[in-house]
């Protein structure tokens, strides 16, 4: 039987996504047996982040100040607001270098099976942000999963009922993709969302 502190570490590691009991046990033993300095850095890093990181009051992403750097930047277009599910999604949008507006991070998506509804996403903050009189277009960039689609639909109806222009990111054949390797659902969507060449 393991010491209770070791069991506590194993159980704590299980909170990570994709980490089951065996993986958590391997990680705990590795840290204690081979990398105690790494374990200490990990513990200190988590402790520091928990104390320092908070949500931006404007876009809801993680930041160490009241308002994040993107929201205070004069180089961003304040008339566009892109809604994403997570900070990781926002970072991916930034890496594409195709958008220069502002963001709002939901920190999740509507998922009734997981007990996440509109109330849990605190959509009142989003509505206040989108209805500030400056935003002219809200771009829905939720994932193309069942939950992401449901979230986009719900938000679209909610925002349009308040007179806010709403668009949705397109989907289709990936850049560099060959039709032979594209799944039929993606190909069908690409056909439906085709547009004239200019």
N, C-alpha and C. Protein backbone atom coordinates (compact mmCIF):
# COMPACT_ATOMS: atom_id res chain seq x y z
N UNK A 1 0.84 -1.19 0.00
CA UNK A 1 0.00 0.00 0.00
C UNK A 1 0.88 1.25 0.00
N UNK A 2 0.49 2.24 -0.80
CA UNK A 2 1.26 3.47 -0.91
C UNK A 2 1.02 4.38 0.28
N UNK A 3 2.03 5.20 0.64
CA UNK A 3 1.80 6.21 1.68
C UNK A 3 0.68 7.16 1.25
N UNK A 4 -0.02 7.73 2.22
CA UNK A 4 -1.18 8.57 1.90
C UNK A 4 -0.79 9.80 1.09
N UNK A 5 0.41 10.36 1.32
CA UNK A 5 0.83 11.53 0.55
C UNK A 5 1.08 11.16 -0.91
N UNK A 6 1.58 9.95 -1.15
CA UNK A 6 1.79 9.48 -2.51
C UNK A 6 0.44 9.24 -3.19
N UNK A 7 -0.48 8.64 -2.47
CA UNK A 7 -1.84 8.45 -3.01
C UNK A 7 -2.49 9.78 -3.34
N UNK A 8 -2.25 10.78 -2.48
CA UNK A 8 -2.79 12.12 -2.73
C UNK A 8 -2.22 12.73 -4.00
N UNK A 9 -0.91 12.53 -4.24
CA UNK A 9 -0.28 13.03 -5.45
C UNK A 9 -0.85 12.33 -6.68
N UNK A 10 -1.00 11.02 -6.60
CA UNK A 10 -1.55 10.26 -7.72
C UNK A 10 -2.97 10.74 -8.03
N UNK A 11 -3.76 10.91 -7.01
CA UNK A 11 -5.14 11.37 -7.21
C UNK A 11 -5.17 12.78 -7.79
N UNK A 12 -4.25 13.64 -7.34
CA UNK A 12 -4.19 15.02 -7.86
C UNK A 12 -3.83 15.03 -9.34
N UNK A 13 -2.91 14.16 -9.76
CA UNK A 13 -2.50 14.11 -11.16
C UNK A 13 -3.63 13.63 -12.06
N UNK A 14 -4.58 12.91 -11.50
CA UNK A 14 -5.70 12.39 -12.30
C UNK A 14 -6.63 13.50 -12.77
N UNK A 15 -6.51 14.71 -12.23
CA UNK A 15 -7.37 15.81 -12.67
C UNK A 15 -6.97 16.30 -14.06
N UNK A 16 -5.78 15.92 -14.53
CA UNK A 16 -5.34 16.35 -15.85
C UNK A 16 -6.10 15.58 -16.93
N UNK A 17 -6.41 16.24 -18.06
CA UNK A 17 -7.16 15.56 -19.12
C UNK A 17 -6.39 14.38 -19.70
N UNK A 18 -7.07 13.27 -19.86
CA UNK A 18 -6.47 12.09 -20.47
C UNK A 18 -5.58 11.29 -19.54
N UNK A 19 -5.52 11.67 -18.27
CA UNK A 19 -4.67 10.95 -17.32
C UNK A 19 -5.54 10.05 -16.45
N UNK A 20 -5.35 8.76 -16.64
CA UNK A 20 -6.07 7.77 -15.84
C UNK A 20 -5.24 7.34 -14.65
N UNK A 21 -5.71 6.34 -13.91
CA UNK A 21 -5.00 5.90 -12.69
C UNK A 21 -3.57 5.42 -12.95
N UNK A 22 -3.37 4.63 -14.00
CA UNK A 22 -2.03 4.09 -14.28
C UNK A 22 -1.07 5.20 -14.69
N UNK A 23 -1.53 6.11 -15.58
CA UNK A 23 -0.67 7.22 -16.01
C UNK A 23 -0.32 8.12 -14.83
N UNK A 24 -1.28 8.39 -13.99
CA UNK A 24 -1.04 9.24 -12.82
C UNK A 24 -0.02 8.59 -11.89
N UNK A 25 -0.13 7.29 -11.72
CA UNK A 25 0.81 6.57 -10.87
C UNK A 25 2.22 6.63 -11.46
N UNK A 26 2.34 6.41 -12.78
CA UNK A 26 3.66 6.48 -13.43
C UNK A 26 4.27 7.87 -13.27
N UNK A 27 3.45 8.91 -13.46
CA UNK A 27 3.96 10.28 -13.33
C UNK A 27 4.44 10.55 -11.91
N UNK A 28 3.64 10.14 -10.93
CA UNK A 28 4.01 10.37 -9.53
C UNK A 28 5.31 9.67 -9.18
N UNK A 29 5.43 8.40 -9.56
CA UNK A 29 6.66 7.65 -9.27
C UNK A 29 7.85 8.27 -9.99
N UNK A 30 7.66 8.68 -11.24
CA UNK A 30 8.75 9.30 -11.99
C UNK A 30 9.24 10.57 -11.29
N UNK A 31 8.30 11.44 -10.94
CA UNK A 31 8.68 12.70 -10.31
C UNK A 31 9.42 12.47 -9.00
N UNK A 32 8.93 11.54 -8.19
CA UNK A 32 9.56 11.30 -6.89
C UNK A 32 10.87 10.54 -7.01
N UNK A 33 10.98 9.65 -7.98
CA UNK A 33 12.18 8.83 -8.11
C UNK A 33 13.27 9.49 -8.94
N UNK A 34 12.89 10.16 -10.03
CA UNK A 34 13.88 10.64 -10.99
C UNK A 34 14.00 12.16 -11.10
N UNK A 35 12.99 12.91 -10.71
CA UNK A 35 13.03 14.35 -10.97
C UNK A 35 12.34 15.15 -9.86
N UNK A 36 12.90 15.05 -8.67
CA UNK A 36 12.31 15.81 -7.55
C UNK A 36 12.43 17.31 -7.77
N UNK A 37 13.49 17.75 -8.44
CA UNK A 37 13.64 19.18 -8.75
C UNK A 37 12.55 19.61 -9.73
N UNK A 38 12.25 18.76 -10.72
CA UNK A 38 11.17 19.05 -11.66
C UNK A 38 9.83 19.08 -10.97
N UNK A 39 9.64 18.18 -10.02
CA UNK A 39 8.38 18.15 -9.27
C UNK A 39 8.21 19.43 -8.46
N UNK A 40 9.32 19.91 -7.89
CA UNK A 40 9.26 21.15 -7.11
C UNK A 40 8.94 22.34 -8.02
N UNK A 41 9.59 22.39 -9.21
CA UNK A 41 9.29 23.47 -10.17
C UNK A 41 7.83 23.42 -10.61
N UNK A 42 7.33 22.21 -10.84
CA UNK A 42 5.93 22.04 -11.24
C UNK A 42 5.00 22.56 -10.15
N UNK A 43 5.26 22.17 -8.91
CA UNK A 43 4.42 22.62 -7.79
C UNK A 43 4.47 24.14 -7.63
N UNK A 44 5.67 24.69 -7.72
CA UNK A 44 5.81 26.15 -7.59
C UNK A 44 5.15 26.88 -8.75
N UNK A 45 5.29 26.32 -9.96
CA UNK A 45 4.67 26.93 -11.14
C UNK A 45 3.16 26.96 -11.02
N UNK A 46 2.58 25.86 -10.58
CA UNK A 46 1.13 25.80 -10.39
C UNK A 46 0.70 26.77 -9.32
N UNK A 47 1.43 26.81 -8.20
CA UNK A 47 1.08 27.71 -7.10
C UNK A 47 1.14 29.17 -7.53
N UNK A 48 2.20 29.54 -8.25
CA UNK A 48 2.35 30.91 -8.73
C UNK A 48 1.24 31.29 -9.69
N UNK A 49 0.95 30.38 -10.63
CA UNK A 49 -0.10 30.67 -11.62
C UNK A 49 -1.47 30.81 -10.93
N UNK A 50 -1.76 29.96 -9.96
CA UNK A 50 -3.04 30.05 -9.27
C UNK A 50 -3.20 31.37 -8.53
N UNK A 51 -2.10 31.91 -8.02
CA UNK A 51 -2.17 33.19 -7.32
C UNK A 51 -2.18 34.38 -8.27
N UNK A 52 -1.49 34.28 -9.41
CA UNK A 52 -1.30 35.45 -10.28
C UNK A 52 -2.29 35.56 -11.43
N UNK A 53 -2.75 34.43 -11.96
CA UNK A 53 -3.57 34.47 -13.18
C UNK A 53 -5.04 34.67 -12.82
N UNK A 54 -5.67 35.58 -13.56
CA UNK A 54 -7.09 35.87 -13.37
C UNK A 54 -7.73 36.01 -14.75
N UNK A 55 -9.02 36.33 -14.77
CA UNK A 55 -9.73 36.54 -16.04
C UNK A 55 -9.73 38.01 -16.40
N UNK A 56 -9.47 38.30 -17.68
CA UNK A 56 -9.56 39.67 -18.19
C UNK A 56 -11.00 40.15 -18.04
N UNK A 57 -11.19 41.37 -17.57
CA UNK A 57 -12.54 41.88 -17.35
C UNK A 57 -13.28 42.15 -18.65
N UNK A 58 -12.54 42.26 -19.76
CA UNK A 58 -13.20 42.54 -21.04
C UNK A 58 -13.42 41.30 -21.89
N UNK A 59 -12.39 40.44 -22.01
CA UNK A 59 -12.52 39.30 -22.93
C UNK A 59 -12.57 37.95 -22.23
N UNK A 60 -12.33 37.91 -20.92
CA UNK A 60 -12.47 36.70 -20.12
C UNK A 60 -11.32 35.71 -20.29
N UNK A 61 -10.27 36.06 -21.03
CA UNK A 61 -9.13 35.14 -21.15
C UNK A 61 -8.27 35.24 -19.90
N UNK A 62 -7.21 34.46 -19.84
CA UNK A 62 -6.30 34.51 -18.70
C UNK A 62 -5.33 35.68 -18.85
N UNK A 63 -5.07 36.35 -17.75
CA UNK A 63 -4.13 37.46 -17.72
C UNK A 63 -3.64 37.64 -16.29
N UNK A 64 -2.56 38.39 -16.14
CA UNK A 64 -2.08 38.69 -14.79
C UNK A 64 -2.48 40.10 -14.36
N UNK A 65 -3.11 40.84 -15.26
CA UNK A 65 -3.59 42.18 -14.92
C UNK A 65 -5.10 42.21 -15.08
N UNK A 66 -5.71 43.31 -14.73
CA UNK A 66 -7.17 43.39 -14.82
C UNK A 66 -7.65 43.24 -16.26
N UNK A 67 -6.93 43.87 -17.19
CA UNK A 67 -7.27 43.80 -18.61
C UNK A 67 -6.06 43.28 -19.38
N UNK A 68 -6.27 42.34 -20.29
CA UNK A 68 -5.15 41.72 -21.02
C UNK A 68 -4.57 42.68 -22.06
N UNK A 69 -3.40 42.32 -22.57
CA UNK A 69 -2.70 43.15 -23.55
C UNK A 69 -3.49 43.33 -24.85
N UNK A 70 -4.18 42.28 -25.30
CA UNK A 70 -4.95 42.40 -26.55
C UNK A 70 -6.06 43.44 -26.39
N UNK A 71 -6.75 43.40 -25.28
CA UNK A 71 -7.88 44.33 -25.08
C UNK A 71 -7.44 45.78 -24.94
N UNK A 72 -6.21 46.00 -24.50
CA UNK A 72 -5.73 47.38 -24.34
C UNK A 72 -4.95 47.88 -25.56
N UNK A 73 -4.72 46.99 -26.53
CA UNK A 73 -3.94 47.37 -27.71
C UNK A 73 -4.73 48.32 -28.61
N UNK A 74 -4.08 49.39 -29.05
CA UNK A 74 -4.71 50.34 -29.97
C UNK A 74 -4.65 49.83 -31.41
N UNK A 75 -3.94 48.73 -31.65
CA UNK A 75 -3.80 48.17 -32.99
C UNK A 75 -4.93 47.21 -33.35
N UNK A 76 -5.78 46.88 -32.39
CA UNK A 76 -6.87 45.94 -32.63
C UNK A 76 -8.12 46.71 -33.07
N UNK A 77 -8.95 46.06 -33.91
CA UNK A 77 -10.20 46.66 -34.38
C UNK A 77 -11.30 46.42 -33.35
N UNK A 78 -11.75 47.45 -32.63
CA UNK A 78 -12.74 47.26 -31.58
C UNK A 78 -14.16 47.01 -32.09
N UNK A 79 -14.36 47.13 -33.41
CA UNK A 79 -15.71 46.91 -33.96
C UNK A 79 -16.00 45.45 -34.23
N UNK A 80 -14.97 44.59 -34.16
CA UNK A 80 -15.15 43.16 -34.37
C UNK A 80 -14.86 42.41 -33.08
N UNK A 81 -15.72 41.45 -32.77
CA UNK A 81 -15.57 40.64 -31.56
C UNK A 81 -15.70 39.17 -31.95
N UNK A 82 -14.61 38.44 -31.79
CA UNK A 82 -14.58 37.01 -32.14
C UNK A 82 -14.78 36.18 -30.88
N UNK A 83 -15.78 35.31 -30.89
CA UNK A 83 -16.08 34.48 -29.74
C UNK A 83 -15.48 33.09 -29.95
N UNK A 84 -14.65 32.69 -29.00
CA UNK A 84 -14.02 31.36 -29.03
C UNK A 84 -14.34 30.63 -27.74
N UNK A 85 -14.12 29.32 -27.75
CA UNK A 85 -14.42 28.51 -26.57
C UNK A 85 -13.35 28.61 -25.49
N UNK A 86 -12.07 28.60 -25.89
CA UNK A 86 -10.98 28.53 -24.90
C UNK A 86 -9.84 29.49 -25.27
N UNK A 87 -8.96 29.78 -24.31
CA UNK A 87 -7.78 30.58 -24.63
C UNK A 87 -6.90 29.91 -25.70
N UNK A 88 -6.86 28.59 -25.73
CA UNK A 88 -6.08 27.87 -26.75
C UNK A 88 -6.65 28.18 -28.14
N UNK A 89 -7.99 28.21 -28.27
CA UNK A 89 -8.61 28.55 -29.55
C UNK A 89 -8.24 29.97 -29.96
N UNK A 90 -8.21 30.88 -29.01
CA UNK A 90 -7.84 32.27 -29.30
C UNK A 90 -6.40 32.33 -29.80
N UNK A 91 -5.51 31.57 -29.17
CA UNK A 91 -4.12 31.56 -29.60
C UNK A 91 -3.99 31.01 -31.02
N UNK A 92 -4.77 29.99 -31.36
CA UNK A 92 -4.74 29.45 -32.72
C UNK A 92 -5.22 30.49 -33.73
N UNK A 93 -6.26 31.24 -33.39
CA UNK A 93 -6.74 32.30 -34.27
C UNK A 93 -5.64 33.34 -34.49
N UNK A 94 -4.92 33.67 -33.44
CA UNK A 94 -3.85 34.65 -33.55
C UNK A 94 -2.71 34.15 -34.44
N UNK A 95 -2.40 32.87 -34.33
CA UNK A 95 -1.32 32.30 -35.13
C UNK A 95 -1.65 32.31 -36.62
N UNK A 96 -2.93 32.36 -36.97
CA UNK A 96 -3.33 32.40 -38.38
C UNK A 96 -3.07 33.77 -39.00
N UNK A 97 -2.89 34.81 -38.19
CA UNK A 97 -2.64 36.18 -38.66
C UNK A 97 -3.70 36.64 -39.66
N UNK A 98 -4.95 36.25 -39.43
CA UNK A 98 -6.02 36.62 -40.35
C UNK A 98 -7.09 37.47 -39.68
N UNK A 99 -6.89 37.81 -38.42
CA UNK A 99 -7.91 38.55 -37.67
C UNK A 99 -7.22 39.56 -36.77
N UNK A 100 -7.74 40.78 -36.77
CA UNK A 100 -7.11 41.82 -35.95
C UNK A 100 -8.09 42.50 -35.01
N UNK A 101 -9.26 41.88 -34.81
CA UNK A 101 -10.24 42.44 -33.89
C UNK A 101 -10.00 41.98 -32.47
N UNK A 102 -11.02 42.10 -31.66
CA UNK A 102 -10.95 41.69 -30.26
C UNK A 102 -11.64 40.34 -30.06
N UNK A 103 -11.51 39.79 -28.87
CA UNK A 103 -12.04 38.45 -28.57
C UNK A 103 -12.93 38.46 -27.35
N UNK A 104 -13.72 37.39 -27.26
CA UNK A 104 -14.37 37.03 -26.00
C UNK A 104 -14.23 35.52 -25.87
N UNK A 105 -13.68 35.06 -24.73
CA UNK A 105 -13.44 33.64 -24.49
C UNK A 105 -14.53 33.10 -23.56
N UNK A 106 -15.29 32.14 -24.06
CA UNK A 106 -16.39 31.57 -23.27
C UNK A 106 -15.92 30.73 -22.09
N UNK A 107 -14.74 30.16 -22.18
CA UNK A 107 -14.22 29.22 -21.18
C UNK A 107 -15.08 27.96 -21.12
N UNK A 108 -15.55 27.55 -22.28
CA UNK A 108 -16.36 26.33 -22.36
C UNK A 108 -17.33 26.41 -23.51
N UNK A 109 -18.33 25.53 -23.47
CA UNK A 109 -19.37 25.51 -24.50
C UNK A 109 -20.61 24.89 -23.88
N UNK A 110 -21.75 25.17 -24.48
CA UNK A 110 -22.99 24.60 -23.97
C UNK A 110 -22.95 23.09 -24.16
N UNK A 111 -23.11 22.37 -23.08
CA UNK A 111 -23.06 20.91 -23.11
C UNK A 111 -23.96 20.37 -22.00
N UNK A 112 -25.26 20.19 -22.30
CA UNK A 112 -26.19 19.73 -21.26
C UNK A 112 -25.77 18.42 -20.59
N UNK A 113 -25.14 17.51 -21.34
CA UNK A 113 -24.71 16.24 -20.74
C UNK A 113 -23.65 16.44 -19.67
N UNK A 114 -22.87 17.53 -19.80
CA UNK A 114 -21.85 17.84 -18.80
C UNK A 114 -22.34 18.86 -17.78
N UNK A 115 -23.63 19.21 -17.85
CA UNK A 115 -24.19 20.18 -16.91
C UNK A 115 -23.78 21.61 -17.18
N UNK A 116 -23.41 21.92 -18.43
CA UNK A 116 -23.01 23.28 -18.79
C UNK A 116 -24.07 23.89 -19.68
N UNK A 117 -24.73 24.90 -19.15
CA UNK A 117 -25.73 25.64 -19.90
C UNK A 117 -25.32 27.09 -20.03
N UNK A 118 -26.19 27.91 -20.58
CA UNK A 118 -25.87 29.34 -20.75
C UNK A 118 -25.49 30.03 -19.43
N UNK A 119 -26.13 29.64 -18.34
CA UNK A 119 -25.84 30.28 -17.05
C UNK A 119 -24.40 30.01 -16.61
N UNK A 120 -23.94 28.77 -16.82
CA UNK A 120 -22.58 28.42 -16.41
C UNK A 120 -21.52 29.16 -17.23
N UNK A 121 -21.86 29.54 -18.46
CA UNK A 121 -20.93 30.29 -19.30
C UNK A 121 -20.95 31.79 -19.02
N UNK A 122 -21.82 32.22 -18.12
CA UNK A 122 -21.92 33.64 -17.74
C UNK A 122 -22.09 34.53 -18.97
N UNK A 123 -23.10 34.19 -19.77
CA UNK A 123 -23.30 34.91 -21.03
C UNK A 123 -23.75 36.35 -20.84
N UNK A 124 -24.17 36.72 -19.64
CA UNK A 124 -24.53 38.11 -19.39
C UNK A 124 -23.32 39.03 -19.60
N UNK A 125 -22.13 38.55 -19.25
CA UNK A 125 -20.91 39.32 -19.48
C UNK A 125 -20.65 39.49 -20.98
N UNK A 126 -20.87 38.42 -21.74
CA UNK A 126 -20.69 38.49 -23.19
C UNK A 126 -21.68 39.47 -23.80
N UNK A 127 -22.93 39.40 -23.38
CA UNK A 127 -23.96 40.29 -23.93
C UNK A 127 -23.63 41.75 -23.64
N UNK A 128 -23.13 42.03 -22.46
CA UNK A 128 -22.74 43.41 -22.12
C UNK A 128 -21.57 43.85 -23.00
N UNK A 129 -20.63 42.94 -23.22
CA UNK A 129 -19.47 43.26 -24.05
C UNK A 129 -19.87 43.48 -25.51
N UNK A 130 -20.69 42.60 -26.06
CA UNK A 130 -21.09 42.69 -27.46
C UNK A 130 -22.04 43.87 -27.70
N UNK A 131 -22.77 44.26 -26.68
CA UNK A 131 -23.73 45.35 -26.82
C UNK A 131 -23.22 46.68 -26.32
N UNK A 132 -21.89 46.87 -26.34
CA UNK A 132 -21.32 48.10 -25.78
C UNK A 132 -21.44 49.31 -26.69
N UNK A 133 -22.02 49.12 -27.90
CA UNK A 133 -22.18 50.24 -28.82
C UNK A 133 -21.00 50.43 -29.76
N UNK A 134 -19.90 49.75 -29.49
CA UNK A 134 -18.71 49.84 -30.34
C UNK A 134 -18.65 48.65 -31.29
N UNK A 135 -19.00 47.48 -30.79
CA UNK A 135 -18.95 46.24 -31.59
C UNK A 135 -19.99 46.31 -32.70
N UNK A 136 -19.55 46.06 -33.93
CA UNK A 136 -20.45 46.06 -35.10
C UNK A 136 -20.69 44.66 -35.65
N UNK A 137 -19.75 43.74 -35.36
CA UNK A 137 -19.87 42.37 -35.86
C UNK A 137 -19.33 41.41 -34.81
N UNK A 138 -20.11 40.38 -34.53
CA UNK A 138 -19.65 39.29 -33.67
C UNK A 138 -19.38 38.09 -34.57
N UNK A 139 -18.18 37.55 -34.48
CA UNK A 139 -17.78 36.38 -35.28
C UNK A 139 -17.77 35.17 -34.37
N UNK A 140 -18.61 34.19 -34.68
CA UNK A 140 -18.66 32.98 -33.87
C UNK A 140 -17.61 32.00 -34.37
N UNK A 141 -16.64 31.70 -33.53
CA UNK A 141 -15.55 30.78 -33.89
C UNK A 141 -15.50 29.62 -32.91
N UNK A 142 -16.68 29.11 -32.56
CA UNK A 142 -16.72 27.91 -31.73
C UNK A 142 -16.37 26.72 -32.60
N UNK A 143 -16.00 25.63 -31.96
CA UNK A 143 -15.59 24.43 -32.71
C UNK A 143 -16.77 23.81 -33.44
N UNK A 144 -16.46 23.05 -34.48
CA UNK A 144 -17.51 22.38 -35.26
C UNK A 144 -17.80 20.99 -34.68
N UNK A 145 -18.05 20.96 -33.37
CA UNK A 145 -18.51 19.76 -32.68
C UNK A 145 -20.01 19.96 -32.43
N UNK A 146 -20.70 18.93 -31.97
CA UNK A 146 -22.13 19.09 -31.65
C UNK A 146 -22.33 20.20 -30.62
N UNK A 147 -21.47 20.21 -29.59
CA UNK A 147 -21.60 21.23 -28.54
C UNK A 147 -21.25 22.62 -29.08
N UNK A 148 -20.21 22.69 -29.91
CA UNK A 148 -19.81 23.97 -30.49
C UNK A 148 -20.87 24.53 -31.41
N UNK A 149 -21.50 23.65 -32.18
CA UNK A 149 -22.58 24.07 -33.08
C UNK A 149 -23.79 24.55 -32.27
N UNK A 150 -24.13 23.83 -31.21
CA UNK A 150 -25.25 24.23 -30.36
C UNK A 150 -24.96 25.58 -29.71
N UNK A 151 -23.74 25.77 -29.28
CA UNK A 151 -23.34 27.04 -28.67
C UNK A 151 -23.44 28.17 -29.68
N UNK A 152 -22.94 27.94 -30.89
CA UNK A 152 -22.98 28.97 -31.94
C UNK A 152 -24.43 29.33 -32.27
N UNK A 153 -25.29 28.32 -32.38
CA UNK A 153 -26.70 28.57 -32.69
C UNK A 153 -27.36 29.39 -31.58
N UNK A 154 -27.13 28.99 -30.35
CA UNK A 154 -27.72 29.70 -29.22
C UNK A 154 -27.25 31.15 -29.19
N UNK A 155 -25.94 31.36 -29.33
CA UNK A 155 -25.39 32.71 -29.30
C UNK A 155 -25.89 33.55 -30.47
N UNK A 156 -25.99 32.93 -31.64
CA UNK A 156 -26.48 33.64 -32.81
C UNK A 156 -27.88 34.19 -32.58
N UNK A 157 -28.76 33.34 -32.07
CA UNK A 157 -30.13 33.78 -31.80
C UNK A 157 -30.17 34.87 -30.74
N UNK A 158 -29.38 34.69 -29.70
CA UNK A 158 -29.34 35.64 -28.59
C UNK A 158 -28.84 37.01 -29.05
N UNK A 159 -27.77 37.02 -29.83
CA UNK A 159 -27.17 38.28 -30.28
C UNK A 159 -28.01 38.96 -31.35
N UNK A 160 -28.54 38.17 -32.31
CA UNK A 160 -29.37 38.76 -33.37
C UNK A 160 -30.64 39.38 -32.79
N UNK A 161 -31.18 38.81 -31.72
CA UNK A 161 -32.38 39.37 -31.11
C UNK A 161 -32.11 40.74 -30.49
N UNK A 162 -30.83 41.06 -30.29
CA UNK A 162 -30.45 42.36 -29.76
C UNK A 162 -29.93 43.29 -30.85
N UNK A 163 -30.12 42.89 -32.11
CA UNK A 163 -29.73 43.74 -33.24
C UNK A 163 -28.24 43.75 -33.54
N UNK A 164 -27.52 42.73 -33.10
CA UNK A 164 -26.07 42.67 -33.33
C UNK A 164 -25.81 41.77 -34.54
N UNK A 165 -24.99 42.23 -35.48
CA UNK A 165 -24.65 41.45 -36.67
C UNK A 165 -23.77 40.27 -36.26
N UNK A 166 -24.13 39.08 -36.72
CA UNK A 166 -23.42 37.86 -36.34
C UNK A 166 -22.98 37.11 -37.58
N UNK A 167 -21.71 36.68 -37.61
CA UNK A 167 -21.21 35.81 -38.67
C UNK A 167 -20.59 34.58 -38.02
N UNK A 168 -20.35 33.54 -38.83
CA UNK A 168 -19.77 32.28 -38.35
C UNK A 168 -18.57 31.97 -39.21
N UNK A 169 -17.48 31.51 -38.61
CA UNK A 169 -16.32 31.12 -39.42
C UNK A 169 -16.73 29.99 -40.36
N UNK A 170 -16.14 29.98 -41.54
CA UNK A 170 -16.45 28.96 -42.54
C UNK A 170 -15.72 27.66 -42.21
N UNK A 171 -16.16 26.61 -42.88
CA UNK A 171 -15.47 25.33 -42.76
C UNK A 171 -15.43 24.70 -44.14
N UNK A 172 -14.51 23.79 -44.32
CA UNK A 172 -14.40 23.16 -45.63
C UNK A 172 -13.06 22.47 -45.80
N UNK A 173 -12.61 22.40 -47.03
CA UNK A 173 -11.37 21.70 -47.36
C UNK A 173 -10.19 22.47 -46.78
N UNK A 174 -9.29 21.80 -46.05
CA UNK A 174 -8.15 22.51 -45.48
C UNK A 174 -7.16 22.96 -46.54
N UNK A 175 -6.43 24.03 -46.24
CA UNK A 175 -5.40 24.52 -47.15
C UNK A 175 -4.36 23.41 -47.34
N UNK A 176 -4.04 23.13 -48.59
CA UNK A 176 -3.09 22.07 -48.89
C UNK A 176 -3.70 20.68 -48.89
N UNK A 177 -5.01 20.61 -48.61
CA UNK A 177 -5.68 19.31 -48.56
C UNK A 177 -6.00 18.78 -49.94
N UNK A 178 -5.99 17.47 -50.07
CA UNK A 178 -6.37 16.83 -51.32
C UNK A 178 -7.73 16.19 -51.13
N UNK A 179 -8.61 16.37 -52.12
CA UNK A 179 -9.98 15.88 -52.00
C UNK A 179 -10.05 14.39 -51.68
N UNK A 180 -9.11 13.66 -52.18
CA UNK A 180 -9.07 12.21 -51.96
C UNK A 180 -9.05 11.87 -50.46
N UNK A 181 -8.47 12.75 -49.66
CA UNK A 181 -8.29 12.47 -48.23
C UNK A 181 -9.25 13.24 -47.32
N UNK A 182 -10.13 14.04 -47.90
CA UNK A 182 -11.08 14.83 -47.11
C UNK A 182 -12.32 13.99 -46.84
N UNK A 183 -12.81 14.03 -45.60
CA UNK A 183 -14.01 13.25 -45.28
C UNK A 183 -15.23 13.83 -45.99
N UNK A 184 -16.23 13.00 -46.18
CA UNK A 184 -17.40 13.39 -46.99
C UNK A 184 -18.19 14.53 -46.36
N UNK A 185 -18.27 14.57 -45.03
CA UNK A 185 -18.99 15.66 -44.36
C UNK A 185 -18.34 17.00 -44.61
N UNK A 186 -17.02 17.04 -44.53
CA UNK A 186 -16.28 18.29 -44.79
C UNK A 186 -16.43 18.71 -46.24
N UNK A 187 -16.35 17.74 -47.14
CA UNK A 187 -16.48 18.04 -48.57
C UNK A 187 -17.88 18.57 -48.89
N UNK A 188 -18.91 17.96 -48.29
CA UNK A 188 -20.28 18.42 -48.50
C UNK A 188 -20.45 19.85 -47.99
N UNK A 189 -19.87 20.14 -46.84
CA UNK A 189 -19.97 21.49 -46.29
C UNK A 189 -19.24 22.49 -47.17
N UNK A 190 -18.10 22.10 -47.72
CA UNK A 190 -17.35 22.98 -48.61
C UNK A 190 -18.17 23.31 -49.85
N UNK A 191 -18.91 22.34 -50.35
CA UNK A 191 -19.78 22.60 -51.52
C UNK A 191 -20.90 23.56 -51.16
N UNK A 192 -21.49 23.38 -50.00
CA UNK A 192 -22.59 24.28 -49.58
C UNK A 192 -22.10 25.70 -49.34
N UNK A 193 -20.86 25.85 -48.89
CA UNK A 193 -20.35 27.18 -48.55
C UNK A 193 -19.47 27.76 -49.65
N UNK A 194 -19.58 27.23 -50.87
CA UNK A 194 -18.77 27.76 -51.97
C UNK A 194 -19.17 29.21 -52.24
N UNK A 195 -18.26 29.95 -52.87
CA UNK A 195 -18.50 31.37 -53.15
C UNK A 195 -17.91 31.73 -54.50
N UNK A 196 -18.38 32.81 -55.12
CA UNK A 196 -17.87 33.20 -56.42
C UNK A 196 -16.42 33.64 -56.35
N UNK A 197 -15.67 33.44 -57.40
CA UNK A 197 -14.30 33.92 -57.48
C UNK A 197 -14.31 35.37 -57.93
N UNK A 198 -13.45 36.16 -57.35
CA UNK A 198 -13.39 37.57 -57.73
C UNK A 198 -12.12 37.89 -58.48
